[in-house]
């Protein structure tokens, strides 16, 4: 079989791959998408952020998603004991979308893939990348195995790795490096939410904070199902013994708020346990390729940043590749790596300070500082490149500083 020749090869047909493909297809490039799985397929990352709506809108993928009637996500709720912290995306520092969705990713990703196929993108499912050879000039020859076990090659001027947790190029090109974030694990499943309350109580995404390191997510979907998941330090998660179903049933007892709602509900699939999920890479790009989304960095599920970073990096890399293919000079270090890393750094600070307890101090301190809350809300909405926001510009110190001031104030009040 003769080698296939394309301008851009995209590995992965999830949100990252579809956004990149949709943009490049609109620009008239010859592209090929290869996807290891057969859609629809289950994947985690079911809570979106408003920032990614900008990306779907720009590449004309918004209307097909709106037609699916996914559960609207106008904000998020955090619980700790009897204290409730509600964030409203309509009341935030940075202008932008004030809502997004909570989605079963199998359905969501399938809709996106079908839409780019309808628009003329060549997508092959059940095709696995098994080898990549990138020449000094950046042109590549990628070996792919099809659904019948036969191999073929794709020659491309550029590769966008949108393979997510598959992390194809990081594995094949030795780009992985240890994450700087602490080791945490997750345990999750879906349920038929037969005890769901009416109105907002039944539909609002909620994070039930059980202790500094342990929290429980509840993500209701419009189809009547709900995603449930626990996150904690790996060592603590491993103290729960038995099957993942037995472990999940025991962990549900930790949630005073939600136990009655879910204690007798059957799991729709055997709960999945992912250990030490945070990932990082040595660099985000190289001659002839770019890494996007989870194939590059994955932080933590606590603030649902995964899909947003995936689509942000996908759209940006596609734009830069388009410029380069037109003969323009592109500074990948500044325009791609530095930019993406700056956003990752903001969210990484929030993840780290969540687990130190400093960010939780800000969330649950009463009375609330409404201006601080609006600035934090903009970060939680995914607008982590807005330098007018002090909680973006000074992220590396402002959370810690304010938390310590609150703690000092509490100590002073107790001493009086």
Foldseek 3Di string as FASTA:
>chain_A
DDAAEFAEEEEAQFLLSLLLLLVVVVVPGGYEYEYQADALDADDLQDAFQLCCVSCVVSVNNVLVVVVPKFKAQWAWEAEPPFIFTFGLVQFDDDGDRIDHGGRRRVVSVSSNVVSVVVPHHYAYNKAWDAWDADPQQWIWTWIQHNVRDIHIYIYQAYEYLRAPVLVCCVRVVFWDADPDAKKKKKKFKFQQPLADPDPSRAHWYWYDLDLFKIWTWHDIPVRMIMIMMMGHPVVLVVQDDFSVSSVLVVLVSDPVCCVRPNPIDTPDRIDMDIRQWIATNFQADRRYGYFFNSHTDADPPLSCRSVRSSVLSNQVSVQSVCVVVPHDDDCVPSHGVQSVLLVVLVNLVSRCSSVCLQVLQRRDPPHDSNVSSLVSCVSSPVLNDCVRCCNVVVNPPSVVVSVVVVVVVVVVVVD
